[in-house]
Amino acid sequence: MTSIKPIRVVIADDHEMLRSSLTTFFETCDDLLLVGEAVDGEAAVALCEHLQPDVVIMDIHLPGIDGIAAMRLIREKCPGTCVIVLTYSSAQEDKQAAFEAGASRYLLKDVSIDELAAAVRACQSP
């Protein structure tokens, strides 16, 4: 029997409760593996550059380097990493900026955990 390689995920969000909740969720998934957490944009870029995750789940409103600038750097340094924006902002200009910076998906923080997991898995689908 062949084992399926888990999708390696980094979370970049400055809210500890969200990171903790996602960490707990990822621990229940055989196919999703949380490999790192960042609390600001600079840490997110450094983690992604070091770990080369399959997916980064990122807020666009981060301290220091904001999520949009961090996303540009991640896409430049880690072209194989899929970026999913998870944010509270439904502003059209934020959504447009995120896609221009290289986001694959743009989800609001009221999304269900199943929808987020499906978005992560879809990043790895052919």
C-alpha atoms as a PDB file:
ATOM      1  CA  MET A   1       0.000   0.000   0.000  1.00  0.00           C
ATOM      2  CA  THR A   2       1.389   3.447  -0.928  1.00  0.00           C
ATOM      3  CA  SER A   3       1.126   6.253   1.555  1.00  0.00           C
ATOM      4  CA  ILE A   4      -0.053   9.645   0.389  1.00  0.00           C
ATOM      5  CA  LYS A   5       2.374  12.477   1.007  1.00  0.00           C
ATOM      6  CA  PRO A   6       0.627  15.066   3.189  1.00  0.00           C
ATOM      7  CA  ILE A   7       0.138  18.631   1.985  1.00  0.00           C
ATOM      8  CA  ARG A   8       2.602  20.769   3.948  1.00  0.00           C
ATOM      9  CA  VAL A   9       1.011  23.983   5.254  1.00  0.00           C
ATOM     10  CA  VAL A  10       2.247  27.202   6.868  1.00  0.00           C
ATOM     11  CA  ILE A  11      -0.161  29.555   8.646  1.00  0.00           C
ATOM     12  CA  ALA A  12       0.581  33.294   8.710  1.00  0.00           C
ATOM     13  CA  ASP A  13      -1.765  35.187  11.012  1.00  0.00           C
ATOM     14  CA  ASP A  14      -1.203  37.476  13.970  1.00  0.00           C
ATOM     15  CA  HIS A  15      -4.196  36.124  15.903  1.00  0.00           C
ATOM     16  CA  GLU A  16      -3.091  33.345  18.236  1.00  0.00           C
ATOM     17  CA  MET A  17      -6.604  31.911  18.597  1.00  0.00           C
ATOM     18  CA  LEU A  18      -6.940  31.385  14.852  1.00  0.00           C
ATOM     19  CA  ARG A  19      -3.504  29.752  14.595  1.00  0.00           C
ATOM     20  CA  SER A  20      -4.286  27.531  17.579  1.00  0.00           C
ATOM     21  CA  SER A  21      -7.652  26.503  16.152  1.00  0.00           C
ATOM     22  CA  LEU A  22      -6.144  25.653  12.775  1.00  0.00           C
ATOM     23  CA  THR A  23      -3.324  23.737  14.461  1.00  0.00           C
ATOM     24  CA  THR A  24      -5.894  21.631  16.327  1.00  0.00           C
ATOM     25  CA  PHE A  25      -7.801  21.011  13.094  1.00  0.00           C
ATOM     26  CA  PHE A  26      -4.685  20.016  11.113  1.00  0.00           C
ATOM     27  CA  GLU A  27      -3.806  17.473  13.805  1.00  0.00           C
ATOM     28  CA  THR A  28      -7.009  15.601  12.854  1.00  0.00           C
ATOM     29  CA  CYS A  29      -6.170  15.431   9.137  1.00  0.00           C
ATOM     30  CA  ASP A  30      -4.053  12.646   7.696  1.00  0.00           C
ATOM     31  CA  ASP A  31      -3.460  14.512   4.442  1.00  0.00           C
ATOM     32  CA  LEU A  32      -2.675  17.999   5.836  1.00  0.00           C
ATOM     33  CA  LEU A  33       0.472  18.688   7.834  1.00  0.00           C
ATOM     34  CA  LEU A  34       1.089  21.995   9.591  1.00  0.00           C
ATOM     35  CA  VAL A  35       4.821  22.656   9.296  1.00  0.00           C
ATOM     36  CA  GLY A  36       5.038  26.235  10.574  1.00  0.00           C
ATOM     37  CA  GLU A  37       3.337  29.326  11.956  1.00  0.00           C
ATOM     38  CA  ALA A  38       4.182  32.991  11.473  1.00  0.00           C
ATOM     39  CA  VAL A  39       2.823  36.023  13.299  1.00  0.00           C
ATOM     40  CA  ASP A  40       3.935  38.650  10.767  1.00  0.00           C
ATOM     41  CA  GLY A  41       4.773  39.020   7.105  1.00  0.00           C
ATOM     42  CA  GLU A  42       8.532  38.907   7.527  1.00  0.00           C
ATOM     43  CA  ALA A  43       8.365  35.653   9.500  1.00  0.00           C
ATOM     44  CA  ALA A  44       5.992  34.203   6.888  1.00  0.00           C
ATOM     45  CA  VAL A  45       8.446  34.910   4.071  1.00  0.00           C
ATOM     46  CA  ALA A  46      11.375  33.469   6.045  1.00  0.00           C
ATOM     47  CA  LEU A  47       9.423  30.334   7.007  1.00  0.00           C
ATOM     48  CA  CYS A  48       8.252  29.721   3.468  1.00  0.00           C
ATOM     49  CA  GLU A  49      11.721  30.245   2.068  1.00  0.00           C
ATOM     50  CA  HIS A  50      13.167  27.798   4.611  1.00  0.00           C
ATOM     51  CA  LEU A  51      10.399  25.163   4.615  1.00  0.00           C
ATOM     52  CA  GLN A  52       9.128  25.400   1.001  1.00  0.00           C
ATOM     53  CA  PRO A  53       5.546  24.459   2.015  1.00  0.00           C
ATOM     54  CA  ASP A  54       2.950  23.355  -0.497  1.00  0.00           C
ATOM     55  CA  VAL A  55       0.440  25.909   0.810  1.00  0.00           C
ATOM     56  CA  VAL A  56       0.519  29.043   2.956  1.00  0.00           C
ATOM     57  CA  ILE A  57      -2.690  30.302   4.559  1.00  0.00           C
ATOM     58  CA  MET A  58      -2.168  34.018   5.048  1.00  0.00           C
ATOM     59  CA  ASP A  59      -4.018  37.044   6.354  1.00  0.00           C
ATOM     60  CA  ILE A  60      -3.454  40.200   4.318  1.00  0.00           C
ATOM     61  CA  HIS A  61      -3.399  42.396   7.424  1.00  0.00           C
ATOM     62  CA  LEU A  62      -0.177  41.411   9.179  1.00  0.00           C
ATOM     63  CA  PRO A  63       2.202  43.498  11.277  1.00  0.00           C
ATOM     64  CA  GLY A  64       5.459  44.602   9.704  1.00  0.00           C
ATOM     65  CA  ILE A  65       5.456  43.503   6.086  1.00  0.00           C
ATOM     66  CA  ASP A  66       1.758  43.216   5.261  1.00  0.00           C
ATOM     67  CA  GLY A  67       0.289  40.100   3.700  1.00  0.00           C
ATOM     68  CA  ILE A  68       0.214  41.517   0.175  1.00  0.00           C
ATOM     69  CA  ALA A  69       3.926  42.392   0.173  1.00  0.00           C
ATOM     70  CA  ALA A  70       4.758  39.090   1.894  1.00  0.00           C
ATOM     71  CA  MET A  71       2.743  37.209  -0.721  1.00  0.00           C
ATOM     72  CA  ARG A  72       4.722  38.812  -3.540  1.00  0.00           C
ATOM     73  CA  LEU A  73       7.979  37.769  -1.895  1.00  0.00           C
ATOM     74  CA  ILE A  74       6.732  34.238  -1.210  1.00  0.00           C
ATOM     75  CA  ARG A  75       5.582  33.792  -4.813  1.00  0.00           C
ATOM     76  CA  GLU A  76       8.975  35.094  -6.002  1.00  0.00           C
ATOM     77  CA  LYS A  77      11.074  32.922  -3.660  1.00  0.00           C
ATOM     78  CA  CYS A  78       8.784  29.877  -3.547  1.00  0.00           C
ATOM     79  CA  PRO A  79       6.997  29.657  -6.907  1.00  0.00           C
ATOM     80  CA  GLY A  80       5.658  26.197  -6.068  1.00  0.00           C
ATOM     81  CA  THR A  81       3.863  27.412  -2.936  1.00  0.00           C
ATOM     82  CA  CYS A  82       0.147  28.054  -3.279  1.00  0.00           C
ATOM     83  CA  VAL A  83      -1.107  31.078  -1.299  1.00  0.00           C
ATOM     84  CA  ILE A  84      -4.586  31.078   0.213  1.00  0.00           C
ATOM     85  CA  VAL A  85      -5.725  34.356   1.708  1.00  0.00           C
ATOM     86  CA  LEU A  86      -7.808  33.970   4.863  1.00  0.00           C
ATOM     87  CA  THR A  87      -8.961  37.382   6.043  1.00  0.00           C
ATOM     88  CA  TYR A  88     -11.858  39.369   7.452  1.00  0.00           C
ATOM     89  CA  SER A  89     -11.683  41.949   4.633  1.00  0.00           C
ATOM     90  CA  SER A  90     -14.328  41.674   1.954  1.00  0.00           C
ATOM     91  CA  ALA A  91     -13.130  44.907   0.297  1.00  0.00           C
ATOM     92  CA  GLN A  92     -12.837  44.495  -3.462  1.00  0.00           C
ATOM     93  CA  GLU A  93      -9.515  46.391  -3.528  1.00  0.00           C
ATOM     94  CA  ASP A  94      -8.006  43.938  -0.991  1.00  0.00           C
ATOM     95  CA  LYS A  95      -9.228  40.974  -3.015  1.00  0.00           C
ATOM     96  CA  GLN A  96      -7.842  42.436  -6.247  1.00  0.00           C
ATOM     97  CA  ALA A  97      -4.486  43.261  -4.613  1.00  0.00           C
ATOM     98  CA  ALA A  98      -4.256  39.717  -3.243  1.00  0.00           C
ATOM     99  CA  PHE A  99      -4.841  38.101  -6.627  1.00  0.00           C
ATOM    100  CA  GLU A 100      -2.386  40.513  -8.281  1.00  0.00           C
ATOM    101  CA  ALA A 101       0.199  39.499  -5.642  1.00  0.00           C
ATOM    102  CA  GLY A 102      -0.254  35.815  -6.455  1.00  0.00           C
ATOM    103  CA  ALA A 103      -3.062  34.478  -4.268  1.00  0.00           C
ATOM    104  CA  SER A 104      -4.748  31.324  -5.549  1.00  0.00           C
ATOM    105  CA  ARG A 105      -7.797  31.657  -3.313  1.00  0.00           C
ATOM    106  CA  TYR A 106      -9.376  34.453  -1.257  1.00  0.00           C
ATOM    107  CA  LEU A 107     -11.485  33.305   1.675  1.00  0.00           C
ATOM    108  CA  LEU A 108     -13.157  35.239   4.453  1.00  0.00           C
ATOM    109  CA  LYS A 109     -12.570  34.204   8.047  1.00  0.00           C
ATOM    110  CA  ASP A 110     -16.219  33.176   8.413  1.00  0.00           C
ATOM    111  CA  VAL A 111     -15.590  30.270   6.012  1.00  0.00           C
ATOM    112  CA  SER A 112     -16.192  26.802   7.418  1.00  0.00           C
ATOM    113  CA  ILE A 113     -13.189  24.681   8.344  1.00  0.00           C
ATOM    114  CA  ASP A 114     -14.302  22.138   5.721  1.00  0.00           C
ATOM    115  CA  GLU A 115     -14.285  24.829   3.024  1.00  0.00           C
ATOM    116  CA  LEU A 116     -10.796  25.925   4.076  1.00  0.00           C
ATOM    117  CA  ALA A 117      -9.562  22.327   4.008  1.00  0.00           C
ATOM    118  CA  ALA A 118     -11.114  21.861   0.551  1.00  0.00           C
ATOM    119  CA  ALA A 119      -9.311  25.004  -0.674  1.00  0.00           C
ATOM    120  CA  VAL A 120      -5.989  23.678   0.656  1.00  0.00           C
ATOM    121  CA  ARG A 121      -6.558  20.334  -1.017  1.00  0.00           C
ATOM    122  CA  ALA A 122      -7.622  22.007  -4.282  1.00  0.00           C
ATOM    123  CA  CYS A 123      -4.269  23.811  -4.436  1.00  0.00           C
ATOM    124  CA  GLN A 124      -2.623  20.421  -4.881  1.00  0.00           C
ATOM    125  CA  SER A 125      -5.085  19.022  -7.407  1.00  0.00           C
ATOM    126  CA  PRO A 126      -3.988  18.773 -11.044  1.00  0.00           C
END
